[in-house]
């Protein structure tokens, strides 16, 4: 003989209410962090996509960044509007040649949700320099030559020269300062030299990260 049982209506109503409560529970937003692009010596671009607003209106969103691997809104951040969807963030005020981590954030009435942290490094490094042979050499004058890559940072260029590797004299390059990220020809015209005398010279290239000296030519 089969046994038949029924769940009292009040229990069914209670179960339904519990299910409805959990299905409508508000949570922090869920989002992703956009790839970092347009990286310069002091800025970059990122952003994010809000996948789920957590059943509560997004009141603010943006990206946060720091040298630490888990930046929060207590660190540097942008504010890029409100609401769900895709947003773009412009990051500025960065230090040159520095590694950062950035991640998107979104805040609703429950709290703040974060996307995955993405590392990136701003541009810039010490300049590189190469000394080339002197040209237009006369009894008392010459043109000193070389190449420099500023490696994205404004770089001042001096030629050091003298009758020994102690040098003693300097000449500012015609192309001073050098910028960008390409090899640039640099030169300086010097005078007042002593006839029949050997001279040594090299390039001194200086940017915000430090100083580079080129090879020495006699």
N, C-alpha and C. Protein backbone atom coordinates (compact mmCIF):
# COMPACT_ATOMS: atom_id res chain seq x y z
N UNK A 1 0.84 -1.18 0.00
CA UNK A 1 0.00 0.00 0.00
C UNK A 1 0.88 1.24 0.00
N UNK A 2 0.64 2.15 -0.96
CA UNK A 2 1.47 3.34 -1.07
C UNK A 2 1.08 4.34 0.00
N UNK A 3 2.13 5.03 0.51
CA UNK A 3 1.90 6.08 1.49
C UNK A 3 2.00 7.43 0.80
N UNK A 4 1.02 8.23 0.97
CA UNK A 4 1.00 9.56 0.36
C UNK A 4 1.08 10.60 1.47
N UNK A 5 2.01 11.63 1.27
CA UNK A 5 2.08 12.69 2.28
C UNK A 5 2.08 14.03 1.57
N UNK A 6 1.68 15.01 2.26
CA UNK A 6 1.61 16.36 1.72
C UNK A 6 2.41 17.31 2.61
N UNK A 7 3.07 18.28 1.97
CA UNK A 7 3.77 19.32 2.73
C UNK A 7 2.77 20.40 3.04
N UNK A 8 2.58 20.74 4.27
CA UNK A 8 1.61 21.77 4.61
C UNK A 8 1.88 23.05 3.84
N UNK A 9 0.85 23.77 3.50
CA UNK A 9 0.97 24.98 2.70
C UNK A 9 1.89 26.00 3.29
N UNK A 10 1.90 26.12 4.61
CA UNK A 10 2.76 27.13 5.24
C UNK A 10 4.24 26.84 5.03
N UNK A 11 4.56 25.53 4.98
CA UNK A 11 5.96 25.15 4.74
C UNK A 11 6.34 25.49 3.31
N UNK A 12 5.42 25.19 2.37
CA UNK A 12 5.69 25.53 0.97
C UNK A 12 5.91 27.03 0.81
N UNK A 13 5.12 27.83 1.49
CA UNK A 13 5.24 29.28 1.40
C UNK A 13 6.57 29.74 1.98
N UNK A 14 6.97 29.10 3.08
CA UNK A 14 8.23 29.46 3.71
C UNK A 14 9.41 29.15 2.80
N UNK A 15 9.40 27.97 2.20
CA UNK A 15 10.47 27.59 1.29
C UNK A 15 10.54 28.54 0.11
N UNK A 16 9.38 28.91 -0.42
CA UNK A 16 9.33 29.84 -1.55
C UNK A 16 9.91 31.20 -1.14
N UNK A 17 9.60 31.63 0.05
CA UNK A 17 10.08 32.92 0.52
C UNK A 17 11.60 32.91 0.68
N UNK A 18 12.12 31.81 1.23
CA UNK A 18 13.58 31.70 1.39
C UNK A 18 14.27 31.72 0.05
N UNK A 19 13.73 30.97 -0.92
CA UNK A 19 14.30 30.93 -2.26
C UNK A 19 14.28 32.31 -2.90
N UNK A 20 13.16 33.00 -2.74
CA UNK A 20 13.03 34.34 -3.32
C UNK A 20 14.00 35.31 -2.67
N UNK A 21 14.21 35.16 -1.36
CA UNK A 21 15.13 36.05 -0.63
C UNK A 21 16.55 35.92 -1.17
N UNK A 22 17.00 34.67 -1.31
CA UNK A 22 18.37 34.46 -1.78
C UNK A 22 18.55 34.83 -3.24
N UNK A 23 17.50 34.64 -4.03
CA UNK A 23 17.63 34.99 -5.45
C UNK A 23 17.66 36.49 -5.65
N UNK A 24 17.15 37.28 -4.69
CA UNK A 24 17.09 38.73 -4.82
C UNK A 24 18.08 39.43 -3.89
N UNK A 25 18.98 38.72 -3.28
CA UNK A 25 19.93 39.30 -2.35
C UNK A 25 20.92 40.20 -3.09
N UNK A 26 21.12 41.41 -2.60
CA UNK A 26 22.06 42.35 -3.22
C UNK A 26 23.50 41.98 -2.88
N UNK A 27 24.40 42.19 -3.83
CA UNK A 27 25.82 41.88 -3.64
C UNK A 27 26.66 42.99 -4.25
N UNK A 28 27.96 42.94 -3.98
CA UNK A 28 28.86 43.91 -4.61
C UNK A 28 28.93 43.62 -6.10
N UNK A 29 29.26 44.59 -6.93
CA UNK A 29 29.31 44.38 -8.38
C UNK A 29 30.39 43.38 -8.80
N UNK A 30 30.14 42.75 -9.94
CA UNK A 30 31.13 41.87 -10.57
C UNK A 30 31.60 42.55 -11.85
N UNK A 31 32.92 42.62 -12.04
CA UNK A 31 33.43 43.33 -13.21
C UNK A 31 34.78 42.80 -13.63
N UNK A 32 35.21 43.20 -14.83
CA UNK A 32 36.52 42.84 -15.36
C UNK A 32 37.33 44.10 -15.62
N UNK A 33 38.64 43.95 -15.67
CA UNK A 33 39.55 45.07 -15.95
C UNK A 33 39.99 45.03 -17.40
N UNK A 34 39.94 46.17 -18.07
CA UNK A 34 40.38 46.24 -19.47
C UNK A 34 41.90 46.23 -19.56
N UNK A 35 42.42 45.79 -20.71
CA UNK A 35 43.86 45.80 -20.94
C UNK A 35 44.41 47.22 -20.85
N UNK A 36 45.66 47.34 -20.44
CA UNK A 36 46.30 48.65 -20.33
C UNK A 36 46.90 49.03 -21.67
N UNK A 37 46.58 50.22 -22.16
CA UNK A 37 47.06 50.69 -23.46
C UNK A 37 47.58 52.12 -23.33
N UNK A 38 48.10 52.64 -24.44
CA UNK A 38 48.57 54.03 -24.51
C UNK A 38 49.55 54.37 -23.38
N UNK A 39 50.45 53.45 -23.09
CA UNK A 39 51.41 53.67 -22.00
C UNK A 39 52.47 54.68 -22.44
N UNK A 40 52.71 55.69 -21.60
CA UNK A 40 53.78 56.66 -21.83
C UNK A 40 54.67 56.69 -20.59
N UNK A 41 55.49 57.73 -20.48
CA UNK A 41 56.36 57.85 -19.32
C UNK A 41 55.57 58.20 -18.05
N UNK A 42 54.36 58.77 -18.21
CA UNK A 42 53.63 59.23 -17.04
C UNK A 42 52.13 58.95 -17.09
N UNK A 43 51.66 58.22 -18.10
CA UNK A 43 50.22 57.99 -18.22
C UNK A 43 49.92 56.66 -18.90
N UNK A 44 48.65 56.26 -18.84
CA UNK A 44 48.20 55.02 -19.48
C UNK A 44 46.67 55.05 -19.53
N UNK A 45 46.10 54.10 -20.25
CA UNK A 45 44.64 53.98 -20.35
C UNK A 45 44.22 52.56 -19.97
N UNK A 46 43.08 52.45 -19.32
CA UNK A 46 42.51 51.14 -18.99
C UNK A 46 40.99 51.32 -18.91
N UNK A 47 40.36 50.68 -17.95
CA UNK A 47 38.91 50.76 -17.81
C UNK A 47 38.35 49.43 -17.35
N UNK A 48 37.08 49.19 -17.65
CA UNK A 48 36.50 47.93 -17.21
C UNK A 48 35.13 47.70 -17.80
N UNK A 49 34.61 46.51 -17.54
CA UNK A 49 33.27 46.13 -17.94
C UNK A 49 32.54 45.58 -16.73
N UNK A 50 31.40 46.17 -16.40
CA UNK A 50 30.62 45.69 -15.26
C UNK A 50 29.72 44.55 -15.75
N UNK A 51 30.01 43.36 -15.29
CA UNK A 51 29.29 42.16 -15.71
C UNK A 51 27.95 42.04 -14.97
N UNK A 52 27.93 42.41 -13.69
CA UNK A 52 26.73 42.28 -12.86
C UNK A 52 26.74 43.40 -11.84
N UNK A 53 25.67 44.17 -11.77
CA UNK A 53 25.64 45.30 -10.84
C UNK A 53 25.29 44.88 -9.41
N UNK A 54 25.07 43.58 -9.19
CA UNK A 54 24.76 43.09 -7.85
C UNK A 54 23.38 43.47 -7.37
N UNK A 55 22.45 43.73 -8.31
CA UNK A 55 21.07 44.10 -8.00
C UNK A 55 20.98 45.43 -7.24
N UNK A 56 21.98 46.28 -7.46
CA UNK A 56 21.98 47.60 -6.83
C UNK A 56 22.68 48.57 -7.76
N UNK A 57 22.20 49.78 -7.86
CA UNK A 57 22.73 50.77 -8.79
C UNK A 57 24.20 51.08 -8.53
N UNK A 58 25.01 51.08 -9.59
CA UNK A 58 26.42 51.47 -9.48
C UNK A 58 26.49 52.98 -9.31
N UNK A 59 27.05 53.41 -8.20
CA UNK A 59 27.11 54.85 -7.92
C UNK A 59 28.42 55.48 -8.38
N UNK A 60 29.48 54.70 -8.45
CA UNK A 60 30.76 55.21 -8.97
C UNK A 60 31.58 54.04 -9.49
N UNK A 61 32.42 54.35 -10.48
CA UNK A 61 33.25 53.31 -11.10
C UNK A 61 34.51 53.94 -11.64
N UNK A 62 35.51 53.12 -11.89
CA UNK A 62 36.77 53.62 -12.42
C UNK A 62 37.85 52.57 -12.26
N UNK A 63 39.09 53.02 -12.22
CA UNK A 63 40.21 52.11 -11.95
C UNK A 63 41.03 52.68 -10.80
N UNK A 64 41.70 51.79 -10.09
CA UNK A 64 42.62 52.19 -9.03
C UNK A 64 43.97 51.54 -9.31
N UNK A 65 45.03 52.18 -8.85
CA UNK A 65 46.36 51.65 -9.16
C UNK A 65 47.34 51.96 -8.03
N UNK A 66 48.40 51.15 -7.98
CA UNK A 66 49.46 51.34 -6.99
C UNK A 66 50.65 50.47 -7.41
N UNK A 67 51.76 50.62 -6.68
CA UNK A 67 52.91 49.75 -6.91
C UNK A 67 52.68 48.38 -6.32
N UNK A 68 51.74 48.28 -5.38
CA UNK A 68 51.39 46.99 -4.80
C UNK A 68 50.50 46.19 -5.74
N UNK A 69 50.45 44.90 -5.53
CA UNK A 69 49.75 44.02 -6.48
C UNK A 69 48.23 44.00 -6.32
N UNK A 70 47.71 44.59 -5.25
CA UNK A 70 46.25 44.60 -5.06
C UNK A 70 45.78 46.02 -4.71
N UNK A 71 45.77 46.92 -5.69
CA UNK A 71 45.32 48.29 -5.42
C UNK A 71 43.86 48.33 -5.02
N UNK A 72 43.50 49.32 -4.23
CA UNK A 72 42.12 49.53 -3.81
C UNK A 72 41.75 50.99 -4.02
N UNK A 73 40.50 51.34 -3.71
CA UNK A 73 40.06 52.71 -3.86
C UNK A 73 40.70 53.64 -2.83
N UNK A 74 41.44 53.08 -1.89
CA UNK A 74 42.20 53.90 -0.95
C UNK A 74 43.52 54.35 -1.55
N UNK A 75 43.88 53.77 -2.71
CA UNK A 75 45.08 54.19 -3.43
C UNK A 75 44.67 55.23 -4.47
N UNK A 76 45.53 55.47 -5.45
CA UNK A 76 45.17 56.38 -6.54
C UNK A 76 44.01 55.77 -7.34
N UNK A 77 43.10 56.62 -7.81
CA UNK A 77 41.96 56.09 -8.55
C UNK A 77 41.39 57.16 -9.48
N UNK A 78 40.61 56.70 -10.45
CA UNK A 78 39.82 57.60 -11.29
C UNK A 78 38.36 57.44 -10.94
N UNK A 79 37.55 58.41 -11.32
CA UNK A 79 36.10 58.32 -11.18
C UNK A 79 35.49 58.53 -12.56
N UNK A 80 34.88 57.49 -13.08
CA UNK A 80 34.42 57.50 -14.48
C UNK A 80 32.93 57.23 -14.59
N UNK A 81 32.16 58.05 -13.88
CA UNK A 81 30.72 57.97 -14.02
C UNK A 81 30.07 56.92 -13.13
N UNK A 82 28.85 56.56 -13.49
CA UNK A 82 28.05 55.61 -12.72
C UNK A 82 27.30 54.70 -13.67
N UNK A 83 26.64 53.67 -13.11
CA UNK A 83 25.86 52.76 -13.93
C UNK A 83 26.67 51.59 -14.45
N UNK A 84 25.96 50.62 -15.01
CA UNK A 84 26.60 49.41 -15.53
C UNK A 84 27.16 49.66 -16.93
N UNK A 85 27.83 48.62 -17.48
CA UNK A 85 28.34 48.71 -18.84
C UNK A 85 29.85 48.81 -18.91
N UNK A 86 30.33 49.29 -20.05
CA UNK A 86 31.76 49.42 -20.32
C UNK A 86 32.19 50.86 -20.08
N UNK A 87 33.36 51.04 -19.47
CA UNK A 87 33.87 52.39 -19.26
C UNK A 87 35.38 52.43 -19.52
N UNK A 88 35.86 53.62 -19.86
CA UNK A 88 37.28 53.83 -20.14
C UNK A 88 37.86 54.79 -19.11
N UNK A 89 39.09 54.51 -18.69
CA UNK A 89 39.75 55.32 -17.66
C UNK A 89 41.11 55.79 -18.16
N UNK A 90 41.42 57.07 -17.92
CA UNK A 90 42.71 57.64 -18.25
C UNK A 90 43.51 57.85 -16.96
N UNK A 91 44.66 57.22 -16.90
CA UNK A 91 45.52 57.26 -15.72
C UNK A 91 46.64 58.26 -15.97
N UNK A 92 46.93 59.12 -15.00
CA UNK A 92 47.99 60.11 -15.18
C UNK A 92 48.77 60.28 -13.88
N UNK A 93 49.84 61.08 -13.95
CA UNK A 93 50.65 61.34 -12.76
C UNK A 93 51.55 60.19 -12.35
N UNK A 94 51.90 59.32 -13.30
CA UNK A 94 52.74 58.16 -12.99
C UNK A 94 54.22 58.54 -13.02
N UNK A 95 55.04 57.75 -12.34
CA UNK A 95 56.48 57.93 -12.38
C UNK A 95 57.06 57.17 -13.57
N UNK A 96 58.17 57.67 -14.10
CA UNK A 96 58.80 57.03 -15.26
C UNK A 96 59.41 55.69 -14.86
N UNK A 97 59.44 54.78 -15.83
CA UNK A 97 60.11 53.48 -15.66
C UNK A 97 59.70 52.78 -14.37
N UNK A 98 58.41 52.77 -14.08
CA UNK A 98 57.92 52.21 -12.82
C UNK A 98 56.83 51.17 -13.10
N UNK A 99 56.89 50.06 -12.36
CA UNK A 99 55.88 49.02 -12.51
C UNK A 99 54.69 49.32 -11.61
N UNK A 100 53.49 49.25 -12.19
CA UNK A 100 52.25 49.47 -11.45
C UNK A 100 51.30 48.29 -11.66
N UNK A 101 50.29 48.22 -10.78
CA UNK A 101 49.18 47.30 -10.96
C UNK A 101 47.91 48.14 -10.99
N UNK A 102 47.01 47.82 -11.92
CA UNK A 102 45.75 48.54 -12.04
C UNK A 102 44.60 47.55 -12.07
N UNK A 103 43.48 47.92 -11.46
CA UNK A 103 42.28 47.09 -11.58
C UNK A 103 41.04 47.97 -11.51
N UNK A 104 40.02 47.52 -12.22
CA UNK A 104 38.76 48.26 -12.26
C UNK A 104 38.01 48.06 -10.94
N UNK A 105 37.20 49.06 -10.61
CA UNK A 105 36.35 48.95 -9.43
C UNK A 105 34.97 49.52 -9.73
N UNK A 106 33.98 49.08 -8.98
CA UNK A 106 32.63 49.63 -9.07
C UNK A 106 31.98 49.52 -7.70
N UNK A 107 31.28 50.57 -7.31
CA UNK A 107 30.69 50.63 -5.97
C UNK A 107 29.17 50.76 -6.06
N UNK A 108 28.46 49.94 -5.28
CA UNK A 108 27.01 50.07 -5.14
C UNK A 108 26.66 50.19 -3.66
N UNK A 109 25.39 50.04 -3.30
CA UNK A 109 24.97 50.23 -1.91
C UNK A 109 25.53 49.18 -0.97
N UNK A 110 25.97 48.05 -1.50
CA UNK A 110 26.53 46.97 -0.68
C UNK A 110 28.00 47.21 -0.40
N UNK A 111 28.73 47.66 -1.41
CA UNK A 111 30.17 47.84 -1.26
C UNK A 111 30.85 47.98 -2.61
N UNK A 112 32.14 47.68 -2.64
CA UNK A 112 32.96 47.85 -3.84
C UNK A 112 33.46 46.51 -4.34
N UNK A 113 33.25 46.25 -5.63
CA UNK A 113 33.80 45.08 -6.27
C UNK A 113 34.97 45.46 -7.15
N UNK A 114 35.88 44.51 -7.38
CA UNK A 114 37.09 44.78 -8.16
C UNK A 114 37.27 43.75 -9.27
N UNK A 115 37.88 44.21 -10.36
CA UNK A 115 38.31 43.30 -11.41
C UNK A 115 39.69 42.76 -11.10
N UNK A 116 40.23 41.96 -12.00
CA UNK A 116 41.56 41.41 -11.81
C UNK A 116 42.62 42.50 -11.95
N UNK A 117 43.67 42.45 -11.14
CA UNK A 117 44.76 43.41 -11.22
C UNK A 117 45.67 43.07 -12.41
N UNK A 118 46.02 44.10 -13.20
CA UNK A 118 46.86 43.92 -14.37
C UNK A 118 48.14 44.74 -14.20
N UNK A 119 49.32 44.13 -14.37
CA UNK A 119 50.57 44.88 -14.24
C UNK A 119 50.94 45.61 -15.53
N UNK A 120 51.60 46.75 -15.40
CA UNK A 120 52.19 47.44 -16.54
C UNK A 120 53.33 48.31 -16.04
N UNK A 121 54.22 48.69 -16.95
CA UNK A 121 55.39 49.49 -16.60
C UNK A 121 55.46 50.71 -17.50
N UNK A 122 55.61 51.88 -16.90
CA UNK A 122 55.71 53.10 -17.68
C UNK A 122 57.03 53.13 -18.45
N UNK A 123 57.04 53.91 -19.52
CA UNK A 123 58.21 53.97 -20.38
C UNK A 123 59.33 54.79 -19.74
N UNK A 124 60.53 54.63 -20.31
CA UNK A 124 61.67 55.42 -19.87
C UNK A 124 62.80 54.57 -19.31
N UNK A 125 64.02 54.92 -19.67
CA UNK A 125 65.21 54.29 -19.12
C UNK A 125 66.39 55.21 -19.38
N UNK A 126 67.54 54.82 -18.89
CA UNK A 126 68.74 55.63 -19.13
C UNK A 126 68.99 55.78 -20.63
N UNK A 127 69.54 56.91 -21.04
CA UNK A 127 69.85 57.07 -22.47
C UNK A 127 71.00 56.16 -22.88
N UNK A 128 71.09 55.89 -24.17
CA UNK A 128 72.25 55.19 -24.73
C UNK A 128 73.00 56.15 -25.63
N UNK A 129 74.31 56.01 -25.68
CA UNK A 129 75.13 56.96 -26.45
C UNK A 129 76.31 56.23 -27.09
N UNK A 130 76.68 56.69 -28.27
CA UNK A 130 77.80 56.12 -29.01
C UNK A 130 78.61 57.26 -29.62
N UNK A 131 79.92 57.23 -29.41
CA UNK A 131 80.80 58.25 -29.98
C UNK A 131 81.26 57.81 -31.37
N UNK A 132 81.22 58.76 -32.32
CA UNK A 132 81.69 58.52 -33.68
C UNK A 132 82.93 59.36 -33.94
N UNK A 133 83.60 59.11 -35.05
CA UNK A 133 84.83 59.83 -35.37
C UNK A 133 84.57 61.32 -35.56
N UNK A 134 85.53 62.13 -35.16
CA UNK A 134 85.46 63.58 -35.37
C UNK A 134 85.63 63.88 -36.86
N UNK A 135 85.00 64.95 -37.30
CA UNK A 135 85.11 65.39 -38.70
C UNK A 135 85.49 66.87 -38.74
N UNK A 136 85.74 67.35 -39.95
CA UNK A 136 86.09 68.77 -40.16
C UNK A 136 87.26 69.19 -39.28
N UNK A 137 88.22 68.31 -39.14
CA UNK A 137 89.36 68.59 -38.26
C UNK A 137 90.35 69.51 -38.97
N UNK A 138 90.72 70.63 -38.30
CA UNK A 138 91.74 71.55 -38.79
C UNK A 138 92.83 71.66 -37.71
N UNK A 139 93.70 72.65 -37.85
CA UNK A 139 94.75 72.83 -36.85
C UNK A 139 94.16 73.19 -35.48
N UNK A 140 93.04 73.91 -35.46
CA UNK A 140 92.51 74.41 -34.19
C UNK A 140 91.02 74.13 -33.97
N UNK A 141 90.34 73.49 -34.92
CA UNK A 141 88.91 73.25 -34.79
C UNK A 141 88.56 71.80 -35.18
N UNK A 142 87.38 71.37 -34.79
CA UNK A 142 86.89 70.04 -35.16
C UNK A 142 85.39 69.96 -34.87
N UNK A 143 84.75 68.98 -35.48
CA UNK A 143 83.35 68.67 -35.17
C UNK A 143 83.31 67.31 -34.49
N UNK A 144 82.79 67.27 -33.27
CA UNK A 144 82.65 66.03 -32.52
C UNK A 144 81.28 65.42 -32.85
N UNK A 145 81.26 64.09 -33.03
CA UNK A 145 80.04 63.42 -33.50
C UNK A 145 79.68 62.22 -32.64
N UNK A 146 78.41 61.87 -32.68
CA UNK A 146 77.96 60.69 -31.98
C UNK A 146 76.48 60.45 -32.22
N UNK A 147 75.92 59.45 -31.55
CA UNK A 147 74.48 59.18 -31.61
C UNK A 147 73.96 58.96 -30.20
N UNK A 148 72.68 59.31 -30.00
CA UNK A 148 72.04 59.16 -28.70
C UNK A 148 70.61 58.68 -28.90
N UNK A 149 70.19 57.76 -28.05
CA UNK A 149 68.77 57.41 -27.95
C UNK A 149 68.30 57.85 -26.57
N UNK A 150 67.33 58.78 -26.56
CA UNK A 150 66.87 59.34 -25.29
C UNK A 150 65.99 58.38 -24.50
N UNK A 151 65.52 57.32 -25.14
CA UNK A 151 64.67 56.32 -24.47
C UNK A 151 63.47 56.97 -23.76
N UNK A 152 62.78 57.82 -24.51
CA UNK A 152 61.52 58.45 -24.14
C UNK A 152 61.65 59.64 -23.18
N UNK A 153 62.81 59.88 -22.60
CA UNK A 153 62.96 60.95 -21.62
C UNK A 153 63.84 62.06 -22.18
N UNK A 154 63.45 63.31 -21.97
CA UNK A 154 64.24 64.43 -22.43
C UNK A 154 65.67 64.32 -21.89
N UNK A 155 66.64 64.37 -22.79
CA UNK A 155 68.03 64.08 -22.44
C UNK A 155 68.94 65.21 -22.88
N UNK A 156 69.74 65.72 -21.95
CA UNK A 156 70.72 66.76 -22.29
C UNK A 156 72.02 66.11 -22.75
N UNK A 157 72.64 66.73 -23.76
CA UNK A 157 73.82 66.14 -24.40
C UNK A 157 75.00 67.09 -24.32
N UNK A 158 76.10 66.61 -23.74
CA UNK A 158 77.37 67.33 -23.70
C UNK A 158 78.46 66.45 -24.29
N UNK A 159 79.40 67.07 -24.97
CA UNK A 159 80.63 66.40 -25.35
C UNK A 159 81.72 66.83 -24.38
N UNK A 160 82.40 65.88 -23.78
CA UNK A 160 83.56 66.17 -22.94
C UNK A 160 84.80 65.91 -23.78
N UNK A 161 85.79 66.80 -23.72
CA UNK A 161 87.01 66.59 -24.51
C UNK A 161 88.21 67.22 -23.81
N UNK A 162 89.37 66.74 -24.18
CA UNK A 162 90.61 67.25 -23.60
C UNK A 162 91.79 66.44 -24.07
N UNK A 163 92.96 66.80 -23.59
CA UNK A 163 94.19 66.12 -24.04
C UNK A 163 94.46 64.84 -23.25
N UNK A 164 93.59 64.51 -22.30
CA UNK A 164 93.68 63.25 -21.56
C UNK A 164 92.26 62.81 -21.22
N UNK A 165 92.15 61.63 -20.61
CA UNK A 165 90.81 61.15 -20.27
C UNK A 165 90.25 61.86 -19.03
N UNK A 166 90.98 62.85 -18.55
CA UNK A 166 90.42 63.75 -17.53
C UNK A 166 89.59 64.84 -18.19
N UNK A 167 89.72 64.95 -19.51
CA UNK A 167 88.97 65.90 -20.33
C UNK A 167 89.24 67.34 -19.88
N UNK A 168 88.31 68.00 -19.24
CA UNK A 168 88.53 69.37 -18.80
C UNK A 168 87.71 70.40 -19.55
N UNK A 169 87.23 70.06 -20.75
CA UNK A 169 86.42 70.99 -21.54
C UNK A 169 85.13 70.30 -21.96
N UNK A 170 84.08 71.09 -22.14
CA UNK A 170 82.80 70.54 -22.58
C UNK A 170 82.21 71.41 -23.69
N UNK A 171 81.38 70.79 -24.51
CA UNK A 171 80.65 71.52 -25.55
C UNK A 171 79.25 70.94 -25.63
N UNK A 172 78.25 71.81 -25.60
CA UNK A 172 76.86 71.37 -25.70
C UNK A 172 76.53 70.97 -27.13
N UNK A 173 75.87 69.85 -27.29
CA UNK A 173 75.51 69.38 -28.63
C UNK A 173 74.55 70.35 -29.30
N UNK A 174 74.68 70.48 -30.61
CA UNK A 174 73.77 71.32 -31.38
C UNK A 174 72.34 70.83 -31.21
N UNK A 175 72.16 69.53 -31.07
CA UNK A 175 70.83 68.92 -31.00
C UNK A 175 70.29 68.83 -29.56
N UNK A 176 70.91 69.48 -28.63
CA UNK A 176 70.50 69.43 -27.23
C UNK A 176 69.19 70.21 -26.99
N UNK A 177 68.20 69.64 -26.24
CA UNK A 177 68.14 68.26 -25.73
C UNK A 177 67.59 67.31 -26.79
N UNK A 178 67.74 66.02 -26.53
CA UNK A 178 67.21 64.98 -27.42
C UNK A 178 66.03 64.31 -26.73
N UNK A 179 64.98 64.01 -27.50
CA UNK A 179 63.80 63.35 -26.95
C UNK A 179 63.38 62.18 -27.83
N UNK A 180 62.35 61.46 -27.40
CA UNK A 180 61.82 60.36 -28.21
C UNK A 180 62.50 59.04 -27.95
N UNK A 181 62.29 58.12 -28.88
CA UNK A 181 62.83 56.76 -28.74
C UNK A 181 63.43 56.30 -30.06
N UNK A 182 64.34 57.07 -30.58
CA UNK A 182 65.03 56.69 -31.81
C UNK A 182 66.47 57.19 -31.73
N UNK A 183 67.32 56.62 -32.56
CA UNK A 183 68.73 57.03 -32.57
C UNK A 183 68.85 58.38 -33.27
N UNK A 184 69.44 59.34 -32.58
CA UNK A 184 69.59 60.70 -33.09
C UNK A 184 71.06 61.03 -33.26
N UNK A 185 71.42 61.56 -34.41
CA UNK A 185 72.79 62.03 -34.61
C UNK A 185 73.00 63.33 -33.84
N UNK A 186 74.10 63.41 -33.11
CA UNK A 186 74.42 64.62 -32.35
C UNK A 186 75.84 65.07 -32.70
N UNK A 187 76.08 66.36 -32.57
CA UNK A 187 77.40 66.89 -32.90
C UNK A 187 77.63 68.20 -32.17
N UNK A 188 78.89 68.60 -32.11
CA UNK A 188 79.27 69.88 -31.52
C UNK A 188 80.53 70.38 -32.21
N UNK A 189 80.57 71.66 -32.53
CA UNK A 189 81.75 72.27 -33.14
C UNK A 189 82.61 72.89 -32.05
N UNK A 190 83.88 72.52 -32.02
CA UNK A 190 84.78 73.06 -31.00
C UNK A 190 85.93 73.79 -31.68
N UNK A 191 86.53 74.71 -30.94
CA UNK A 191 87.64 75.50 -31.48
C UNK A 191 88.66 75.74 -30.36
N UNK A 192 89.74 76.46 -30.70
CA UNK A 192 90.77 76.76 -29.71
C UNK A 192 91.66 75.57 -29.40
N UNK A 193 91.74 74.61 -30.30
CA UNK A 193 92.58 73.43 -30.10
C UNK A 193 94.04 73.74 -30.41
N UNK A 194 94.91 72.96 -29.85
CA UNK A 194 96.35 73.10 -30.11
C UNK A 194 96.75 72.23 -31.29
N UNK A 195 97.42 72.80 -32.23
CA UNK A 195 97.85 72.06 -33.43
C UNK A 195 98.76 70.91 -33.04
N UNK A 196 98.65 69.81 -33.77
CA UNK A 196 99.51 68.65 -33.56
C UNK A 196 99.30 67.95 -32.23
N UNK A 197 98.12 68.07 -31.64
CA UNK A 197 97.84 67.50 -30.31
C UNK A 197 96.70 66.50 -30.40
N UNK A 198 96.89 65.37 -29.72
CA UNK A 198 95.80 64.39 -29.65
C UNK A 198 94.77 64.81 -28.60
N UNK A 199 93.49 64.66 -28.96
CA UNK A 199 92.41 64.98 -28.04
C UNK A 199 91.52 63.75 -27.86
N UNK A 200 91.02 63.59 -26.62
CA UNK A 200 90.06 62.54 -26.31
C UNK A 200 88.68 63.18 -26.17
N UNK A 201 87.63 62.45 -26.55
CA UNK A 201 86.28 62.98 -26.33
C UNK A 201 85.27 61.85 -26.16
N UNK A 202 84.17 62.20 -25.49
CA UNK A 202 83.07 61.27 -25.28
C UNK A 202 81.79 62.07 -25.08
N UNK A 203 80.65 61.36 -25.10
CA UNK A 203 79.34 61.99 -24.89
C UNK A 203 78.89 61.75 -23.46
N UNK A 204 78.35 62.78 -22.86
CA UNK A 204 77.69 62.69 -21.56
C UNK A 204 76.21 62.96 -21.78
N UNK A 205 75.38 61.94 -21.60
CA UNK A 205 73.93 62.05 -21.82
C UNK A 205 73.21 61.92 -20.49
N UNK A 206 72.38 62.90 -20.14
CA UNK A 206 71.74 62.95 -18.82
C UNK A 206 70.22 63.08 -18.96
N UNK A 207 69.48 62.17 -18.31
CA UNK A 207 68.02 62.35 -18.22
C UNK A 207 67.59 62.20 -16.76
N UNK A 208 66.31 62.15 -16.50
CA UNK A 208 65.82 62.15 -15.12
C UNK A 208 66.18 60.89 -14.36
N UNK A 209 66.61 59.85 -15.04
CA UNK A 209 66.99 58.61 -14.38
C UNK A 209 68.47 58.52 -14.07
N UNK A 210 69.28 59.36 -14.72
CA UNK A 210 70.71 59.30 -14.46
C UNK A 210 71.55 59.72 -15.66
N UNK A 211 72.81 59.30 -15.64
CA UNK A 211 73.81 59.74 -16.63
C UNK A 211 74.43 58.54 -17.34
N UNK A 212 74.60 58.67 -18.64
CA UNK A 212 75.29 57.67 -19.45
C UNK A 212 76.49 58.31 -20.13
N UNK A 213 77.64 57.65 -20.11
CA UNK A 213 78.80 58.09 -20.85
C UNK A 213 79.04 57.15 -22.01
N UNK A 214 79.40 57.69 -23.15
CA UNK A 214 79.68 56.86 -24.33
C UNK A 214 81.12 56.34 -24.28
N UNK A 215 81.47 55.60 -25.30
CA UNK A 215 82.85 55.16 -25.48
C UNK A 215 83.74 56.38 -25.75
N UNK A 216 85.04 56.21 -25.53
CA UNK A 216 86.00 57.29 -25.70
C UNK A 216 86.71 57.16 -27.04
N UNK A 217 86.85 58.25 -27.76
CA UNK A 217 87.58 58.26 -29.03
C UNK A 217 88.69 59.29 -28.93
N UNK A 218 89.85 58.96 -29.51
CA UNK A 218 90.98 59.87 -29.56
C UNK A 218 91.13 60.42 -30.96
